[in-house]
């Protein structure tokens, strides 16, 4: 029954015939080759592969942080190639939440301010998101750290802030690039448990890139990438 429900769920991300090349001098280097992927609503998907396999490049293309050489990506039914730069920026703020290996927090902003940054950038009123902020702080376990700046937090706490920031705009999907790559094993496990909780209890679609087999197994599905190709799902 669960598999049937997954089949009937809508696609949050659709990639079709995705290719990415880079120029290296006179050489044309193929990074991704004819990738086809569907991510369903409510899934937790891990993209796994060795260093240089193209998995992070794939994640950036799926989130509209980079543009493919050819092929198409749809997020929540919206075709990225038909959007101008402004429309893509709005899409990234509203439809996608990003979590990076090195957190990407603003050093002189406290926890609350870092979390609310996407709201400010989107021109929305902070006061309308106060209840949402309180709920997210509770989810990530940072209620007593709300006024601390990143330098006053551990690595695990900083990543929790980044996850909270990714949630604040209620995106269709959260994309995480090596979310525990900068953490020790115990803290990494805690962060992965948090992501799984958000997937199950909040119903958020999560796509993570990882080289860790243990982290990958938190996903309901693993997509293996090697030499720029999907070799197994």
Protein backbone atom coordinates (compact mmCIF):
# COMPACT_ATOMS: atom_id res chain seq x y z
CA UNK A 1 0.00 0.00 0.00
CA UNK A 2 2.84 2.41 0.86
CA UNK A 3 4.46 1.83 -2.54
CA UNK A 4 1.12 2.45 -4.24
CA UNK A 5 0.71 5.74 -2.41
CA UNK A 6 4.22 6.80 -3.48
CA UNK A 7 3.33 6.07 -7.10
CA UNK A 8 0.21 8.23 -6.81
CA UNK A 9 2.02 11.14 -5.12
CA UNK A 10 2.78 14.16 -7.28
CA UNK A 11 6.30 14.78 -8.53
CA UNK A 12 8.00 17.62 -6.68
CA UNK A 13 11.10 17.47 -8.90
CA UNK A 14 11.31 16.15 -12.46
CA UNK A 15 14.61 16.03 -14.36
CA UNK A 16 14.59 14.99 -18.00
CA UNK A 17 17.63 14.27 -20.20
CA UNK A 18 19.81 16.41 -17.96
CA UNK A 19 23.34 17.11 -19.18
CA UNK A 20 26.06 19.36 -17.75
CA UNK A 21 29.35 20.13 -19.48
CA UNK A 22 32.26 22.37 -18.51
CA UNK A 23 34.94 23.90 -20.69
CA UNK A 24 38.47 23.11 -19.53
CA UNK A 25 40.70 24.97 -21.95
CA UNK A 26 39.76 23.50 -25.32
CA UNK A 27 38.35 20.36 -23.74
CA UNK A 28 34.65 19.76 -23.19
CA UNK A 29 34.25 17.86 -19.91
CA UNK A 30 31.00 15.96 -19.38
CA UNK A 31 29.92 16.16 -15.73
CA UNK A 32 26.38 14.77 -16.02
CA UNK A 33 25.07 12.59 -18.83
CA UNK A 34 21.40 12.18 -19.69
CA UNK A 35 20.01 12.12 -16.14
CA UNK A 36 16.32 11.33 -15.63
CA UNK A 37 14.92 11.56 -12.08
CA UNK A 38 11.52 11.90 -10.42
CA UNK A 39 11.24 12.92 -6.76
CA UNK A 40 7.78 12.34 -5.31
CA UNK A 41 6.06 14.44 -2.67
CA UNK A 42 6.94 13.19 0.82
CA UNK A 43 9.97 11.15 -0.23
CA UNK A 44 13.35 11.15 1.49
CA UNK A 45 15.84 10.46 -1.30
CA UNK A 46 19.61 10.05 -0.96
CA UNK A 47 21.93 10.68 -3.90
CA UNK A 48 25.13 8.77 -3.37
CA UNK A 49 28.37 8.38 -5.28
CA UNK A 50 32.14 8.71 -5.09
CA UNK A 51 33.96 12.06 -5.19
CA UNK A 52 33.80 13.53 -8.68
CA UNK A 53 30.73 11.50 -9.67
CA UNK A 54 28.66 14.65 -10.29
CA UNK A 55 26.24 14.20 -7.39
CA UNK A 56 26.61 17.75 -5.97
CA UNK A 57 26.37 19.25 -9.46
CA UNK A 58 23.15 17.27 -9.92
CA UNK A 59 21.73 18.65 -6.66
CA UNK A 60 22.53 22.22 -7.71
CA UNK A 61 20.77 21.69 -11.03
CA UNK A 62 17.72 20.20 -9.29
CA UNK A 63 17.53 23.26 -7.03
CA UNK A 64 18.10 25.86 -9.75
CA UNK A 65 21.47 26.96 -8.32
CA UNK A 66 23.11 26.05 -11.64
CA UNK A 67 21.85 25.66 -15.20
CA UNK A 68 22.13 22.49 -17.28
CA UNK A 69 23.86 22.43 -20.65
CA UNK A 70 20.75 20.68 -21.96
CA UNK A 71 17.65 19.02 -20.59
CA UNK A 72 14.98 20.28 -18.23
CA UNK A 73 14.13 20.53 -14.53
CA UNK A 74 10.68 21.14 -13.05
CA UNK A 75 10.11 22.06 -9.41
CA UNK A 76 6.51 21.80 -8.20
CA UNK A 77 5.45 21.75 -11.86
CA UNK A 78 7.42 24.89 -12.75
CA UNK A 79 9.88 24.60 -15.62
CA UNK A 80 13.12 26.35 -14.63
CA UNK A 81 14.32 27.02 -18.18
CA UNK A 82 11.33 29.28 -18.87
CA UNK A 83 12.09 31.51 -15.86
CA UNK A 84 14.25 34.63 -15.89
CA UNK A 85 16.84 35.23 -13.15
CA UNK A 86 14.40 37.11 -10.91
CA UNK A 87 11.76 34.40 -11.20
CA UNK A 88 14.35 31.72 -10.41
CA UNK A 89 15.47 33.65 -7.31
CA UNK A 90 11.88 33.83 -6.09
CA UNK A 91 11.43 30.12 -6.78
CA UNK A 92 14.57 29.26 -4.78
CA UNK A 93 13.34 31.31 -1.80
CA UNK A 94 9.80 29.98 -1.79
CA UNK A 95 9.79 26.48 -3.25
CA UNK A 96 13.17 25.09 -2.14
CA UNK A 97 15.03 25.03 1.17
CA UNK A 98 18.80 24.55 1.02
CA UNK A 99 21.08 23.00 3.64
CA UNK A 100 24.84 23.07 2.98
CA UNK A 101 27.80 21.26 4.49
CA UNK A 102 29.27 24.45 5.97
CA UNK A 103 25.94 25.91 7.18
CA UNK A 104 26.23 29.29 5.31
CA UNK A 105 24.97 31.30 8.28
CA UNK A 106 25.47 35.07 8.63
CA UNK A 107 28.03 35.47 11.47
CA UNK A 108 26.69 38.71 12.96
CA UNK A 109 23.04 37.59 12.99
CA UNK A 110 21.60 35.57 15.87
CA UNK A 111 19.69 32.30 15.49
CA UNK A 112 16.28 33.93 15.05
CA UNK A 113 17.62 36.45 12.52
CA UNK A 114 19.37 33.76 10.47
CA UNK A 115 16.22 31.66 10.38
CA UNK A 116 14.05 34.61 9.34
CA UNK A 117 16.43 35.82 6.62
CA UNK A 118 14.48 34.21 3.72
CA UNK A 119 11.34 35.98 4.96
CA UNK A 120 13.12 39.35 4.92
CA UNK A 121 14.59 38.72 1.48
CA UNK A 122 11.14 37.83 0.20
CA UNK A 123 9.75 41.16 1.41
CA UNK A 124 7.34 39.55 3.87
CA UNK A 125 6.46 40.78 7.35
CA UNK A 126 8.38 39.07 10.15
CA UNK A 127 5.46 39.43 12.59
CA UNK A 128 3.33 37.14 10.41
CA UNK A 129 5.85 34.32 10.92
CA UNK A 130 6.35 34.52 14.69
CA UNK A 131 4.21 31.45 15.44
CA UNK A 132 5.93 29.56 12.62
CA UNK A 133 9.33 30.55 14.06
CA UNK A 134 8.38 29.27 17.52
CA UNK A 135 7.26 25.94 16.09
CA UNK A 136 10.44 25.52 14.03
CA UNK A 137 12.68 26.39 16.99
CA UNK A 138 10.89 23.65 18.92
CA UNK A 139 11.30 21.14 16.07
CA UNK A 140 15.07 21.72 15.80
CA UNK A 141 15.58 22.02 19.57
CA UNK A 142 17.00 25.55 19.67
CA UNK A 143 14.43 27.37 21.80
CA UNK A 144 17.07 28.28 24.38
CA UNK A 145 19.64 29.39 21.75
CA UNK A 146 17.52 31.89 19.83
CA UNK A 147 19.66 34.94 20.69
CA UNK A 148 23.03 33.25 20.16
CA UNK A 149 25.20 34.04 17.15
CA UNK A 150 26.81 31.24 15.09
CA UNK A 151 30.18 31.62 16.86
CA UNK A 152 28.42 30.74 20.13
CA UNK A 153 27.01 27.49 18.72
CA UNK A 154 28.45 24.04 18.08
CA UNK A 155 28.62 22.68 14.54
CA UNK A 156 25.53 20.57 15.11
CA UNK A 157 23.58 23.53 16.45
CA UNK A 158 24.64 25.65 13.45
CA UNK A 159 23.36 22.96 11.09
CA UNK A 160 20.07 22.92 13.01
CA UNK A 161 19.79 26.67 12.38
CA UNK A 162 20.41 26.04 8.68
CA UNK A 163 17.69 23.38 8.65
CA UNK A 164 15.29 25.75 10.44
CA UNK A 165 16.07 28.47 7.89
CA UNK A 166 15.31 25.98 5.10
CA UNK A 167 11.90 25.28 6.68
CA UNK A 168 10.68 28.81 7.41
CA UNK A 169 9.19 29.52 3.97
CA UNK A 170 7.38 26.14 3.93
CA UNK A 171 9.13 24.95 0.75
CA UNK A 172 8.02 22.04 -1.42
CA UNK A 173 11.40 20.35 -1.02
CA UNK A 174 14.57 20.57 1.09
CA UNK A 175 17.87 19.94 -0.71
CA UNK A 176 20.83 19.05 1.50
CA UNK A 177 24.41 18.88 0.21
CA UNK A 178 26.51 16.66 2.54
CA UNK A 179 24.53 17.88 5.59
CA UNK A 180 26.71 15.96 8.07
CA UNK A 181 30.00 16.18 6.16
CA UNK A 182 31.45 18.67 8.65
CA UNK A 183 30.21 16.94 11.81
CA UNK A 184 31.45 14.16 14.06
CA UNK A 185 29.61 10.84 13.92
CA UNK A 186 27.45 11.39 17.03
CA UNK A 187 26.35 14.87 15.99
CA UNK A 188 25.87 13.67 12.42
CA UNK A 189 23.51 10.96 13.62
CA UNK A 190 21.50 13.55 15.57
CA UNK A 191 21.18 15.75 12.48
CA UNK A 192 20.11 12.81 10.31
CA UNK A 193 17.52 11.82 12.91
CA UNK A 194 16.21 15.39 12.81
CA UNK A 195 15.93 15.30 9.01
CA UNK A 196 14.08 11.99 9.18
CA UNK A 197 11.73 13.45 11.80
CA UNK A 198 11.02 16.44 9.55
CA UNK A 199 10.35 14.09 6.64
CA UNK A 200 7.97 11.86 8.60
CA UNK A 201 6.24 14.26 10.99
CA UNK A 202 6.21 17.42 8.87
CA UNK A 203 5.77 15.60 5.55
CA UNK A 204 8.66 17.45 3.91
CA UNK A 205 10.28 16.08 0.78
CA UNK A 206 14.03 15.81 1.34
CA UNK A 207 16.81 15.14 -1.16
CA UNK A 208 20.30 14.79 0.23
CA UNK A 209 23.68 14.25 -1.40
CA UNK A 210 26.07 12.15 0.66
CA UNK A 211 29.10 9.90 0.36
CA UNK A 212 28.18 8.22 3.67
CA UNK A 213 26.40 4.86 3.44
CA UNK A 214 25.02 5.33 6.97
CA UNK A 215 23.55 8.76 6.08
CA UNK A 216 22.21 7.49 2.75
CA UNK A 217 20.23 4.75 4.48
CA UNK A 218 18.06 7.36 6.21
CA UNK A 219 16.48 7.83 2.80
CA UNK A 220 13.59 5.70 1.59
CA UNK A 221 15.32 5.51 -1.79
CA UNK A 222 18.97 5.77 -2.83
CA UNK A 223 20.05 7.01 -6.25
CA UNK A 224 23.60 5.97 -7.12
CA UNK A 225 25.59 8.26 -9.42
CA UNK A 226 28.88 7.25 -11.05
CA UNK A 227 30.83 9.04 -13.77
CA UNK A 228 27.95 11.45 -14.31
CA UNK A 229 25.30 8.78 -14.81
CA UNK A 230 22.57 7.26 -12.67
CA UNK A 231 23.71 3.64 -12.39
CA UNK A 232 21.14 2.33 -9.89
CA UNK A 233 18.03 3.40 -7.98
